[in-house]
């Protein structure tokens, strides 16, 4: 990471399909959909979706990592439209249980081992 890097954890390139639900400030479901991760770290993901996700909403993600599926909550740090007309949102994780954290850590470790070969 460079000195200008603000992330606590390095990101690995990863394309995983996921389901997301986001809730408004009253914790009411505002929307849901499918998306995919473009990269992932222990503290967040870059999520690509067809719809813009409002940064004021909490996002509940159900992510498939190989055979495992985990539920993780996050907040939108930024959203931008890419050149293909899709939206990329940086999501910072803030709530996951120990089992989800372990699956995420195992996935990142396996990916790093695979890319080192």
Protein backbone atom coordinates (compact mmCIF):
# COMPACT_ATOMS: atom_id res chain seq x y z
CA UNK A 1 0.00 0.00 0.00
CA UNK A 2 1.19 3.53 -0.69
CA UNK A 3 1.49 6.26 1.89
CA UNK A 4 -1.68 7.81 0.43
CA UNK A 5 -3.65 4.60 0.99
CA UNK A 6 -6.50 5.04 3.49
CA UNK A 7 -7.55 1.39 3.76
CA UNK A 8 -6.61 -0.66 6.81
CA UNK A 9 -6.52 -3.90 4.78
CA UNK A 10 -5.28 -4.58 1.27
CA UNK A 11 -7.92 -5.54 -1.30
CA UNK A 12 -7.84 -8.67 -3.43
CA UNK A 13 -9.50 -8.86 -6.83
CA UNK A 14 -12.56 -11.03 -6.56
CA UNK A 15 -15.76 -11.49 -8.50
CA UNK A 16 -18.53 -13.02 -6.37
CA UNK A 17 -22.25 -12.70 -6.86
CA UNK A 18 -24.21 -11.44 -3.90
CA UNK A 19 -27.64 -10.37 -2.75
CA UNK A 20 -28.05 -7.03 -1.05
CA UNK A 21 -30.82 -5.35 0.89
CA UNK A 22 -30.50 -1.80 2.03
CA UNK A 23 -32.48 -0.01 4.68
CA UNK A 24 -33.23 3.68 5.10
CA UNK A 25 -32.60 5.76 8.21
CA UNK A 26 -35.77 4.25 9.79
CA UNK A 27 -34.43 0.72 9.22
CA UNK A 28 -37.16 0.09 6.65
CA UNK A 29 -36.22 -1.91 3.56
CA UNK A 30 -35.63 0.59 0.75
CA UNK A 31 -34.50 -1.76 -2.02
CA UNK A 32 -32.82 -5.05 -2.77
CA UNK A 33 -31.01 -6.56 -5.69
CA UNK A 34 -28.13 -8.59 -7.00
CA UNK A 35 -24.62 -7.36 -7.50
CA UNK A 36 -21.08 -8.60 -7.58
CA UNK A 37 -17.93 -7.90 -5.65
CA UNK A 38 -15.06 -6.46 -7.65
CA UNK A 39 -12.60 -6.71 -4.77
CA UNK A 40 -12.71 -7.62 -1.11
CA UNK A 41 -10.74 -7.13 2.09
CA UNK A 42 -11.26 -7.84 5.77
CA UNK A 43 -12.87 -4.44 6.18
CA UNK A 44 -14.93 -3.97 3.01
CA UNK A 45 -15.76 -4.62 -0.62
CA UNK A 46 -16.15 -2.82 -3.88
CA UNK A 47 -19.69 -3.71 -4.99
CA UNK A 48 -20.99 -3.38 -8.57
CA UNK A 49 -24.76 -3.00 -9.02
CA UNK A 50 -27.27 -1.90 -11.63
CA UNK A 51 -28.77 0.69 -9.26
CA UNK A 52 -27.17 3.46 -7.24
CA UNK A 53 -27.11 2.72 -3.51
CA UNK A 54 -27.84 5.75 -1.34
CA UNK A 55 -24.85 6.39 0.96
CA UNK A 56 -27.18 7.16 3.89
CA UNK A 57 -28.46 3.56 3.89
CA UNK A 58 -27.19 0.50 5.73
CA UNK A 59 -26.48 -2.40 3.37
CA UNK A 60 -27.07 -6.02 4.40
CA UNK A 61 -25.03 -8.29 2.12
CA UNK A 62 -25.35 -12.01 1.58
CA UNK A 63 -22.12 -13.03 -0.12
CA UNK A 64 -21.09 -16.41 -1.50
CA UNK A 65 -17.43 -17.28 -0.96
CA UNK A 66 -16.92 -20.60 -2.74
CA UNK A 67 -19.27 -23.03 -0.97
CA UNK A 68 -19.92 -20.75 2.01
CA UNK A 69 -22.52 -18.00 2.28
CA UNK A 70 -22.14 -15.20 4.83
CA UNK A 71 -24.26 -12.24 5.96
CA UNK A 72 -22.44 -8.96 6.58
CA UNK A 73 -23.68 -5.42 7.27
CA UNK A 74 -21.91 -2.40 5.87
CA UNK A 75 -22.13 1.30 5.13
CA UNK A 76 -21.62 2.94 1.77
CA UNK A 77 -18.48 5.07 1.75
CA UNK A 78 -18.84 6.22 -1.87
CA UNK A 79 -20.73 5.41 -5.06
CA UNK A 80 -19.77 6.26 -8.64
CA UNK A 81 -21.09 5.33 -12.06
CA UNK A 82 -18.61 3.38 -14.19
CA UNK A 83 -18.09 3.53 -17.96
CA UNK A 84 -20.59 0.69 -18.55
CA UNK A 85 -23.42 2.53 -16.78
CA UNK A 86 -23.22 0.35 -13.65
CA UNK A 87 -22.58 1.65 -10.15
CA UNK A 88 -19.55 0.87 -8.01
CA UNK A 89 -19.96 1.34 -4.28
CA UNK A 90 -17.25 1.11 -1.67
CA UNK A 91 -18.81 -0.70 1.29
CA UNK A 92 -17.16 -0.68 4.71
CA UNK A 93 -18.13 -3.64 6.90
CA UNK A 94 -19.31 -2.81 10.41
CA UNK A 95 -21.18 -5.91 11.56
CA UNK A 96 -20.51 -9.59 11.01
CA UNK A 97 -20.55 -12.56 13.31
CA UNK A 98 -17.47 -14.66 14.10
CA UNK A 99 -18.42 -17.38 11.61
CA UNK A 100 -18.74 -14.85 8.78
CA UNK A 101 -15.41 -13.26 9.75
CA UNK A 102 -13.72 -16.67 9.70
CA UNK A 103 -15.13 -17.50 6.24
CA UNK A 104 -13.98 -14.11 4.95
CA UNK A 105 -10.47 -14.55 6.42
CA UNK A 106 -10.17 -18.08 4.99
CA UNK A 107 -11.26 -16.85 1.57
CA UNK A 108 -8.71 -14.03 1.56
CA UNK A 109 -5.94 -16.37 2.76
CA UNK A 110 -6.76 -18.97 0.08
CA UNK A 111 -6.84 -16.29 -2.61
CA UNK A 112 -3.47 -14.88 -1.52
CA UNK A 113 -1.91 -18.37 -1.49
CA UNK A 114 -3.27 -19.06 -4.97
CA UNK A 115 -1.92 -15.81 -6.42
CA UNK A 116 1.52 -16.36 -4.85
CA UNK A 117 2.04 -19.60 -6.84
